[in-house]
Amino acid sequence: MGGIGFLIPLLAFAFVIVTSIIKILKEYERGVIFTLGRVGRKAAGPGLILLIPIIQTMRKVDMRTLVHDVPTQDVISQDNVSVKVNAVIYYRVVDAVRAVVQVENYMAATSQLAQTTLRSVLGKHDLDEMLQERDKLNKDIQEILDTQTEAWGIKVSNVEIKHVDVDQSMIRAIARQAEAERERRSKVILAEGEFQAAAKLSEAAQVLATSPGAMELRYLNSLQDIAGDRTNTIVFPFSMNDLANRLRS
């Protein structure tokens, strides 16, 4: 019994030593190894990793693309409209050593940086730009984040603005603005039509003025068009000089 009691602690100690020596990293993982506090130039893995107990320690880093949901942010646009905006960012670690050494917690740091950048970029644009130019805003935010996180070994691949929530009072104002814009366009189109019609009538008048016979034919065609309507009395203008000339002939 005494031998078995001594053997159990020895086996437990041996198991702890073995597990501290042998590490297995998955295909999407890398290990940053510290030797007496100093880090190597490159991350280890994937596969089997052997560590020297007490002298070496290792920290695992996930190299897969991570998806982070940016919490809803209160943003005041350049035209002083208060909106609530949330987004999602896609990023991954490209340098495991820098991600561990250069920043304490790269996930939290990237999240906080995304929130401040979202407010900063959107605050420089009008509400109409937020609603209509999301692709441009997404690209601007992605480039800023990618530049600032490069020192941490992080690559921001994409940013997508998901929702831009506007107050109900502003929604009604936007609806009125859109209605006024449509009415303005309809008036402009109508004015352009009147202008084109006037130009064509002016050209037709010049052609008719050069040929008196053409004017008479136009009178006769117009009389033929209205002859079918017998419900009203129609007064049609006719030149008295032309009538006198016809009577003489």
C-alpha atoms as a PDB file:
ATOM      1  CA  MET A   1       0.000   0.000   0.000  1.00  0.00           C
ATOM      2  CA  GLY A   2       2.845   2.366   0.841  1.00  0.00           C
ATOM      3  CA  GLY A   3       4.401   1.860  -2.593  1.00  0.00           C
ATOM      4  CA  ILE A   4       1.109   2.552  -4.382  1.00  0.00           C
ATOM      5  CA  GLY A   5       0.557   5.686  -2.321  1.00  0.00           C
ATOM      6  CA  PHE A   6       3.956   6.986  -3.371  1.00  0.00           C
ATOM      7  CA  LEU A   7       3.428   6.032  -7.021  1.00  0.00           C
ATOM      8  CA  ILE A   8       0.201   8.009  -7.511  1.00  0.00           C
ATOM      9  CA  PRO A   9       1.729  11.473  -6.780  1.00  0.00           C
ATOM     10  CA  LEU A  10       4.708  10.559  -8.934  1.00  0.00           C
ATOM     11  CA  LEU A  11       2.476   9.669 -11.891  1.00  0.00           C
ATOM     12  CA  ALA A  12       0.471  12.859 -11.434  1.00  0.00           C
ATOM     13  CA  PHE A  13       3.695  14.916 -11.439  1.00  0.00           C
ATOM     14  CA  ALA A  14       4.902  13.092 -14.546  1.00  0.00           C
ATOM     15  CA  PHE A  15       1.562  13.786 -16.321  1.00  0.00           C
ATOM     16  CA  VAL A  16       1.812  17.495 -15.531  1.00  0.00           C
ATOM     17  CA  ILE A  17       5.357  17.604 -16.868  1.00  0.00           C
ATOM     18  CA  VAL A  18       4.423  15.771 -20.063  1.00  0.00           C
ATOM     19  CA  THR A  19       1.422  18.023 -20.756  1.00  0.00           C
ATOM     20  CA  SER A  20       3.568  21.103 -20.215  1.00  0.00           C
ATOM     21  CA  ILE A  21       6.159  19.794 -22.652  1.00  0.00           C
ATOM     22  CA  ILE A  22       3.921  18.519 -25.469  1.00  0.00           C
ATOM     23  CA  LYS A  23       1.527  20.956 -27.171  1.00  0.00           C
ATOM     24  CA  ILE A  24      -0.568  20.304 -30.264  1.00  0.00           C
ATOM     25  CA  LEU A  25      -1.725  23.220 -32.412  1.00  0.00           C
ATOM     26  CA  LYS A  26      -4.582  22.940 -34.901  1.00  0.00           C
ATOM     27  CA  GLU A  27      -4.231  23.982 -38.528  1.00  0.00           C
ATOM     28  CA  TYR A  28      -5.730  27.444 -37.856  1.00  0.00           C
ATOM     29  CA  GLU A  29      -3.668  28.066 -34.702  1.00  0.00           C
ATOM     30  CA  ARG A  30      -0.199  29.450 -34.144  1.00  0.00           C
ATOM     31  CA  GLY A  31       1.854  29.485 -30.955  1.00  0.00           C
ATOM     32  CA  VAL A  32       3.888  32.446 -29.713  1.00  0.00           C
ATOM     33  CA  ILE A  33       6.702  30.926 -27.612  1.00  0.00           C
ATOM     34  CA  PHE A  34       8.434  32.889 -24.857  1.00  0.00           C
ATOM     35  CA  THR A  35      11.882  31.646 -23.735  1.00  0.00           C
ATOM     36  CA  LEU A  36      12.799  33.210 -20.398  1.00  0.00           C
ATOM     37  CA  GLY A  37      10.454  36.060 -21.272  1.00  0.00           C
ATOM     38  CA  ARG A  38      11.849  36.679 -24.743  1.00  0.00           C
ATOM     39  CA  VAL A  39       9.742  35.940 -27.806  1.00  0.00           C
ATOM     40  CA  GLY A  40      10.931  34.272 -30.986  1.00  0.00           C
ATOM     41  CA  ARG A  41      10.843  35.942 -34.378  1.00  0.00           C
ATOM     42  CA  LYS A  42       8.192  33.628 -35.801  1.00  0.00           C
ATOM     43  CA  ALA A  43       5.190  31.842 -34.387  1.00  0.00           C
ATOM     44  CA  ALA A  44       5.258  28.056 -34.122  1.00  0.00           C
ATOM     45  CA  GLY A  45       2.811  25.553 -35.541  1.00  0.00           C
ATOM     46  CA  PRO A  46       0.636  23.987 -36.593  1.00  0.00           C
ATOM     47  CA  GLY A  47       1.263  20.437 -35.370  1.00  0.00           C
ATOM     48  CA  LEU A  48       3.318  19.055 -32.482  1.00  0.00           C
ATOM     49  CA  ILE A  49       5.242  21.560 -30.372  1.00  0.00           C
ATOM     50  CA  LEU A  50       7.786  20.617 -27.650  1.00  0.00           C
ATOM     51  CA  LEU A  51       8.416  23.102 -24.844  1.00  0.00           C
ATOM     52  CA  ILE A  52      11.047  23.207 -22.138  1.00  0.00           C
ATOM     53  CA  PRO A  53       9.202  23.280 -18.795  1.00  0.00           C
ATOM     54  CA  ILE A  54       9.547  26.442 -16.698  1.00  0.00           C
ATOM     55  CA  ILE A  55      11.910  27.992 -19.256  1.00  0.00           C
ATOM     56  CA  GLN A  56       9.397  28.224 -22.123  1.00  0.00           C
ATOM     57  CA  THR A  57       5.735  29.207 -22.234  1.00  0.00           C
ATOM     58  CA  MET A  58       3.380  29.442 -25.215  1.00  0.00           C
ATOM     59  CA  ARG A  59       0.306  31.483 -26.065  1.00  0.00           C
ATOM     60  CA  LYS A  60      -2.098  30.273 -28.762  1.00  0.00           C
ATOM     61  CA  VAL A  61      -3.445  32.649 -31.396  1.00  0.00           C
ATOM     62  CA  ASP A  62      -6.431  31.930 -33.671  1.00  0.00           C
ATOM     63  CA  MET A  63      -5.579  32.832 -37.285  1.00  0.00           C
ATOM     64  CA  ARG A  64      -9.105  32.496 -38.697  1.00  0.00           C
ATOM     65  CA  THR A  65     -11.215  35.438 -39.864  1.00  0.00           C
ATOM     66  CA  LEU A  66     -13.124  36.860 -36.929  1.00  0.00           C
ATOM     67  CA  VAL A  67     -16.498  38.584 -37.153  1.00  0.00           C
ATOM     68  CA  HIS A  68     -17.189  41.362 -34.675  1.00  0.00           C
ATOM     69  CA  ASP A  69     -20.508  43.152 -34.266  1.00  0.00           C
ATOM     70  CA  VAL A  70     -19.913  46.826 -33.501  1.00  0.00           C
ATOM     71  CA  PRO A  71     -22.465  47.996 -30.880  1.00  0.00           C
ATOM     72  CA  THR A  72     -24.966  50.682 -31.834  1.00  0.00           C
ATOM     73  CA  GLN A  73     -23.347  54.112 -31.825  1.00  0.00           C
ATOM     74  CA  ASP A  74     -25.020  57.504 -31.449  1.00  0.00           C
ATOM     75  CA  VAL A  75     -23.768  59.676 -34.313  1.00  0.00           C
ATOM     76  CA  ILE A  76     -24.502  63.320 -35.112  1.00  0.00           C
ATOM     77  CA  SER A  77     -24.186  63.885 -38.849  1.00  0.00           C
ATOM     78  CA  GLN A  78     -22.634  66.937 -40.443  1.00  0.00           C
ATOM     79  CA  ASP A  79     -26.120  68.429 -40.957  1.00  0.00           C
ATOM     80  CA  ASN A  80     -26.874  67.990 -37.207  1.00  0.00           C
ATOM     81  CA  VAL A  81     -29.128  64.932 -37.460  1.00  0.00           C
ATOM     82  CA  SER A  82     -28.913  62.395 -34.623  1.00  0.00           C
ATOM     83  CA  VAL A  83     -28.858  58.778 -35.843  1.00  0.00           C
ATOM     84  CA  LYS A  84     -28.068  55.367 -34.390  1.00  0.00           C
ATOM     85  CA  VAL A  85     -25.654  53.281 -36.456  1.00  0.00           C
ATOM     86  CA  ASN A  86     -24.271  49.776 -36.033  1.00  0.00           C
ATOM     87  CA  ALA A  87     -21.886  47.789 -38.205  1.00  0.00           C
ATOM     88  CA  VAL A  88     -19.962  44.542 -38.502  1.00  0.00           C
ATOM     89  CA  ILE A  89     -16.233  44.139 -39.170  1.00  0.00           C
ATOM     90  CA  TYR A  90     -14.269  41.175 -40.507  1.00  0.00           C
ATOM     91  CA  TYR A  91     -10.619  40.852 -39.514  1.00  0.00           C
ATOM     92  CA  ARG A  92      -7.922  38.254 -38.902  1.00  0.00           C
ATOM     93  CA  VAL A  93      -4.464  37.960 -37.392  1.00  0.00           C
ATOM     94  CA  VAL A  94      -1.683  37.932 -39.986  1.00  0.00           C
ATOM     95  CA  ASP A  95       1.239  38.205 -37.551  1.00  0.00           C
ATOM     96  CA  ALA A  96       0.689  36.258 -34.341  1.00  0.00           C
ATOM     97  CA  VAL A  97       3.842  37.606 -32.666  1.00  0.00           C
ATOM     98  CA  ARG A  98       2.828  41.258 -33.069  1.00  0.00           C
ATOM     99  CA  ALA A  99      -0.776  40.481 -32.066  1.00  0.00           C
ATOM    100  CA  VAL A 100       0.506  39.161 -28.732  1.00  0.00           C
ATOM    101  CA  VAL A 101       3.417  41.521 -28.085  1.00  0.00           C
ATOM    102  CA  GLN A 102       2.226  44.877 -29.458  1.00  0.00           C
ATOM    103  CA  VAL A 103      -1.232  44.983 -27.841  1.00  0.00           C
ATOM    104  CA  GLU A 104      -2.626  43.529 -24.622  1.00  0.00           C
ATOM    105  CA  ASN A 105      -5.908  42.262 -26.096  1.00  0.00           C
ATOM    106  CA  TYR A 106      -6.157  42.661 -29.862  1.00  0.00           C
ATOM    107  CA  MET A 107      -9.866  41.721 -29.946  1.00  0.00           C
ATOM    108  CA  ALA A 108     -10.896  44.384 -27.428  1.00  0.00           C
ATOM    109  CA  ALA A 109      -8.550  46.946 -28.997  1.00  0.00           C
ATOM    110  CA  THR A 110      -9.954  46.346 -32.494  1.00  0.00           C
ATOM    111  CA  SER A 111     -13.508  46.594 -31.160  1.00  0.00           C
ATOM    112  CA  GLN A 112     -12.909  49.915 -29.428  1.00  0.00           C
ATOM    113  CA  LEU A 113     -11.067  51.311 -32.439  1.00  0.00           C
ATOM    114  CA  ALA A 114     -13.951  50.286 -34.723  1.00  0.00           C
ATOM    115  CA  GLN A 115     -16.466  52.120 -32.529  1.00  0.00           C
ATOM    116  CA  THR A 116     -14.514  55.385 -32.429  1.00  0.00           C
ATOM    117  CA  THR A 117     -13.709  55.224 -36.153  1.00  0.00           C
ATOM    118  CA  LEU A 118     -17.369  54.616 -37.014  1.00  0.00           C
ATOM    119  CA  ARG A 119     -18.445  57.724 -35.101  1.00  0.00           C
ATOM    120  CA  SER A 120     -15.597  59.819 -36.482  1.00  0.00           C
ATOM    121  CA  VAL A 121     -16.118  58.957 -40.157  1.00  0.00           C
ATOM    122  CA  LEU A 122     -19.917  59.140 -40.197  1.00  0.00           C
ATOM    123  CA  GLY A 123     -19.877  62.444 -38.293  1.00  0.00           C
ATOM    124  CA  LYS A 124     -18.172  64.050 -41.306  1.00  0.00           C
ATOM    125  CA  HIS A 125     -21.025  63.201 -43.692  1.00  0.00           C
ATOM    126  CA  ASP A 126     -24.621  64.296 -44.184  1.00  0.00           C
ATOM    127  CA  LEU A 127     -27.574  62.025 -43.539  1.00  0.00           C
ATOM    128  CA  ASP A 128     -28.221  61.650 -47.269  1.00  0.00           C
ATOM    129  CA  GLU A 129     -24.670  60.370 -47.771  1.00  0.00           C
ATOM    130  CA  MET A 130     -25.090  57.852 -44.944  1.00  0.00           C
ATOM    131  CA  LEU A 131     -28.210  56.478 -46.605  1.00  0.00           C
ATOM    132  CA  GLN A 132     -27.077  56.570 -50.237  1.00  0.00           C
ATOM    133  CA  GLU A 133     -23.281  56.067 -50.204  1.00  0.00           C
ATOM    134  CA  ARG A 134     -22.788  53.132 -47.836  1.00  0.00           C
ATOM    135  CA  ASP A 135     -20.272  51.416 -50.094  1.00  0.00           C
ATOM    136  CA  LYS A 136     -17.995  54.459 -50.032  1.00  0.00           C
ATOM    137  CA  LEU A 137     -18.339  54.850 -46.256  1.00  0.00           C
ATOM    138  CA  ASN A 138     -17.649  51.137 -45.712  1.00  0.00           C
ATOM    139  CA  LYS A 139     -14.452  51.423 -47.755  1.00  0.00           C
ATOM    140  CA  ASP A 140     -13.311  54.567 -45.911  1.00  0.00           C
ATOM    141  CA  ILE A 141     -13.815  52.954 -42.488  1.00  0.00           C
ATOM    142  CA  GLN A 142     -12.104  49.734 -43.597  1.00  0.00           C
ATOM    143  CA  GLU A 143      -9.036  51.593 -44.883  1.00  0.00           C
ATOM    144  CA  ILE A 144      -8.682  53.607 -41.660  1.00  0.00           C
ATOM    145  CA  LEU A 145      -9.013  50.532 -39.446  1.00  0.00           C
ATOM    146  CA  ASP A 146      -6.632  48.501 -41.592  1.00  0.00           C
ATOM    147  CA  THR A 147      -3.995  51.237 -41.425  1.00  0.00           C
ATOM    148  CA  GLN A 148      -4.213  51.645 -37.650  1.00  0.00           C
ATOM    149  CA  THR A 149      -4.292  47.907 -36.832  1.00  0.00           C
ATOM    150  CA  GLU A 150      -1.383  47.003 -39.131  1.00  0.00           C
ATOM    151  CA  ALA A 151       1.084  47.591 -36.268  1.00  0.00           C
ATOM    152  CA  TRP A 152      -0.808  44.974 -34.223  1.00  0.00           C
ATOM    153  CA  GLY A 153      -0.513  42.308 -36.939  1.00  0.00           C
ATOM    154  CA  ILE A 154      -4.246  42.614 -37.740  1.00  0.00           C
ATOM    155  CA  LYS A 155      -5.768  42.746 -41.234  1.00  0.00           C
ATOM    156  CA  VAL A 156      -9.253  44.285 -41.496  1.00  0.00           C
ATOM    157  CA  SER A 157     -10.730  42.793 -44.659  1.00  0.00           C
ATOM    158  CA  ASN A 158     -14.226  44.275 -44.683  1.00  0.00           C
ATOM    159  CA  VAL A 159     -16.604  46.642 -42.882  1.00  0.00           C
ATOM    160  CA  GLU A 160     -20.360  46.720 -43.431  1.00  0.00           C
ATOM    161  CA  ILE A 161     -22.769  49.313 -42.017  1.00  0.00           C
ATOM    162  CA  LYS A 162     -25.886  47.327 -41.139  1.00  0.00           C
ATOM    163  CA  HIS A 163     -28.460  49.835 -39.908  1.00  0.00           C
ATOM    164  CA  VAL A 164     -28.896  53.596 -39.867  1.00  0.00           C
ATOM    165  CA  ASP A 165     -31.844  54.308 -37.568  1.00  0.00           C
ATOM    166  CA  VAL A 166     -33.399  57.767 -37.859  1.00  0.00           C
ATOM    167  CA  ASP A 167     -35.932  59.345 -35.507  1.00  0.00           C
ATOM    168  CA  GLN A 168     -39.578  59.215 -36.634  1.00  0.00           C
ATOM    169  CA  SER A 169     -39.796  63.012 -36.898  1.00  0.00           C
ATOM    170  CA  MET A 170     -36.835  62.996 -39.259  1.00  0.00           C
ATOM    171  CA  ILE A 171     -38.405  60.203 -41.321  1.00  0.00           C
ATOM    172  CA  ARG A 172     -41.456  62.419 -41.919  1.00  0.00           C
ATOM    173  CA  ALA A 173     -39.198  65.333 -42.840  1.00  0.00           C
ATOM    174  CA  ILE A 174     -37.277  63.120 -45.279  1.00  0.00           C
ATOM    175  CA  ALA A 175     -40.578  61.988 -46.829  1.00  0.00           C
ATOM    176  CA  ARG A 176     -41.648  65.604 -47.321  1.00  0.00           C
ATOM    177  CA  GLN A 177     -38.273  66.416 -48.823  1.00  0.00           C
ATOM    178  CA  ALA A 178     -38.565  63.503 -51.248  1.00  0.00           C
ATOM    179  CA  GLU A 179     -42.077  64.591 -52.226  1.00  0.00           C
ATOM    180  CA  ALA A 180     -40.890  68.152 -52.852  1.00  0.00           C
ATOM    181  CA  GLU A 181     -38.000  66.838 -54.929  1.00  0.00           C
ATOM    182  CA  ARG A 182     -40.355  64.764 -57.099  1.00  0.00           C
ATOM    183  CA  GLU A 183     -42.631  67.783 -57.578  1.00  0.00           C
ATOM    184  CA  ARG A 184     -39.646  69.926 -58.552  1.00  0.00           C
ATOM    185  CA  ARG A 185     -38.574  67.357 -61.135  1.00  0.00           C
ATOM    186  CA  SER A 186     -42.095  67.162 -62.591  1.00  0.00           C
ATOM    187  CA  LYS A 187     -42.209  70.958 -62.984  1.00  0.00           C
ATOM    188  CA  VAL A 188     -38.804  70.998 -64.635  1.00  0.00           C
ATOM    189  CA  ILE A 189     -39.863  68.241 -67.052  1.00  0.00           C
ATOM    190  CA  LEU A 190     -43.109  70.089 -67.859  1.00  0.00           C
ATOM    191  CA  ALA A 191     -41.213  73.345 -68.463  1.00  0.00           C
ATOM    192  CA  GLU A 192     -38.748  71.559 -70.736  1.00  0.00           C
ATOM    193  CA  GLY A 193     -41.661  70.090 -72.684  1.00  0.00           C
ATOM    194  CA  GLU A 194     -43.259  73.526 -73.102  1.00  0.00           C
ATOM    195  CA  PHE A 195     -39.934  74.959 -74.238  1.00  0.00           C
ATOM    196  CA  GLN A 196     -39.457  72.226 -76.842  1.00  0.00           C
ATOM    197  CA  ALA A 197     -43.053  72.599 -78.045  1.00  0.00           C
ATOM    198  CA  ALA A 198     -42.630  76.357 -78.373  1.00  0.00           C
ATOM    199  CA  ALA A 199     -39.431  75.859 -80.360  1.00  0.00           C
ATOM    200  CA  LYS A 200     -41.149  73.446 -82.744  1.00  0.00           C
ATOM    201  CA  LEU A 201     -44.147  75.789 -83.163  1.00  0.00           C
ATOM    202  CA  SER A 202     -41.785  78.632 -83.967  1.00  0.00           C
ATOM    203  CA  GLU A 203     -40.106  76.511 -86.648  1.00  0.00           C
ATOM    204  CA  ALA A 204     -43.522  75.511 -88.054  1.00  0.00           C
ATOM    205  CA  ALA A 205     -44.641  79.153 -88.165  1.00  0.00           C
ATOM    206  CA  GLN A 206     -41.542  80.119 -90.117  1.00  0.00           C
ATOM    207  CA  VAL A 207     -42.187  77.359 -92.659  1.00  0.00           C
ATOM    208  CA  LEU A 208     -45.854  78.312 -93.058  1.00  0.00           C
ATOM    209  CA  ALA A 209     -44.967  82.008 -93.425  1.00  0.00           C
ATOM    210  CA  THR A 210     -42.864  81.275 -96.481  1.00  0.00           C
ATOM    211  CA  SER A 211     -45.762  79.553 -98.290  1.00  0.00           C
ATOM    212  CA  PRO A 212     -49.301  81.026 -98.164  1.00  0.00           C
ATOM    213  CA  GLY A 213     -50.722  77.919 -99.767  1.00  0.00           C
ATOM    214  CA  ALA A 214     -49.405  75.809 -96.922  1.00  0.00           C
ATOM    215  CA  MET A 215     -51.321  77.967 -94.428  1.00  0.00           C
ATOM    216  CA  GLU A 216     -54.553  77.413 -96.363  1.00  0.00           C
ATOM    217  CA  LEU A 217     -53.970  73.670 -96.398  1.00  0.00           C
ATOM    218  CA  ARG A 218     -53.412  73.800 -92.659  1.00  0.00           C
ATOM    219  CA  TYR A 219     -56.743  75.608 -92.229  1.00  0.00           C
ATOM    220  CA  LEU A 220     -58.532  72.976 -94.295  1.00  0.00           C
ATOM    221  CA  ASN A 221     -56.954  70.097 -92.353  1.00  0.00           C
ATOM    222  CA  SER A 222     -57.986  71.670 -89.070  1.00  0.00           C
ATOM    223  CA  LEU A 223     -61.574  72.128 -90.349  1.00  0.00           C
ATOM    224  CA  GLN A 224     -61.645  68.483 -91.370  1.00  0.00           C
ATOM    225  CA  ASP A 225     -60.467  67.400 -87.904  1.00  0.00           C
ATOM    226  CA  ILE A 226     -63.211  69.324 -86.092  1.00  0.00           C
ATOM    227  CA  ALA A 227     -65.985  68.640 -88.579  1.00  0.00           C
ATOM    228  CA  GLY A 228     -66.974  65.473 -86.767  1.00  0.00           C
ATOM    229  CA  ASP A 229     -67.880  67.369 -83.578  1.00  0.00           C
ATOM    230  CA  ARG A 230     -71.398  68.881 -84.130  1.00  0.00           C
ATOM    231  CA  THR A 231     -72.307  69.533 -80.527  1.00  0.00           C
ATOM    232  CA  ASN A 232     -70.637  72.941 -80.306  1.00  0.00           C
ATOM    233  CA  THR A 233     -70.453  76.076 -82.410  1.00  0.00           C
ATOM    234  CA  ILE A 234     -66.902  76.515 -83.603  1.00  0.00           C
ATOM    235  CA  VAL A 235     -65.534  79.862 -84.711  1.00  0.00           C
ATOM    236  CA  PHE A 236     -62.565  79.357 -86.971  1.00  0.00           C
ATOM    237  CA  PRO A 237     -60.363  82.361 -87.881  1.00  0.00           C
ATOM    238  CA  PHE A 238     -59.899  83.136 -91.557  1.00  0.00           C
ATOM    239  CA  SER A 239     -58.110  85.980 -93.236  1.00  0.00           C
ATOM    240  CA  MET A 240     -60.542  88.552 -94.759  1.00  0.00           C
ATOM    241  CA  ASN A 241     -57.973  89.570 -97.349  1.00  0.00           C
ATOM    242  CA  ASP A 242     -57.725  86.022 -98.558  1.00  0.00           C
ATOM    243  CA  LEU A 243     -61.533  85.826 -98.716  1.00  0.00           C
ATOM    244  CA  ALA A 244     -61.752  89.044-100.756  1.00  0.00           C
ATOM    245  CA  ASN A 245     -59.106  87.814-103.149  1.00  0.00           C
ATOM    246  CA  ARG A 246     -61.007  84.597-103.639  1.00  0.00           C
ATOM    247  CA  LEU A 247     -64.273  86.453-104.395  1.00  0.00           C
ATOM    248  CA  ARG A 248     -62.539  88.644-107.020  1.00  0.00           C
ATOM    249  CA  SER A 249     -61.088  85.590-108.699  1.00  0.00           C
END
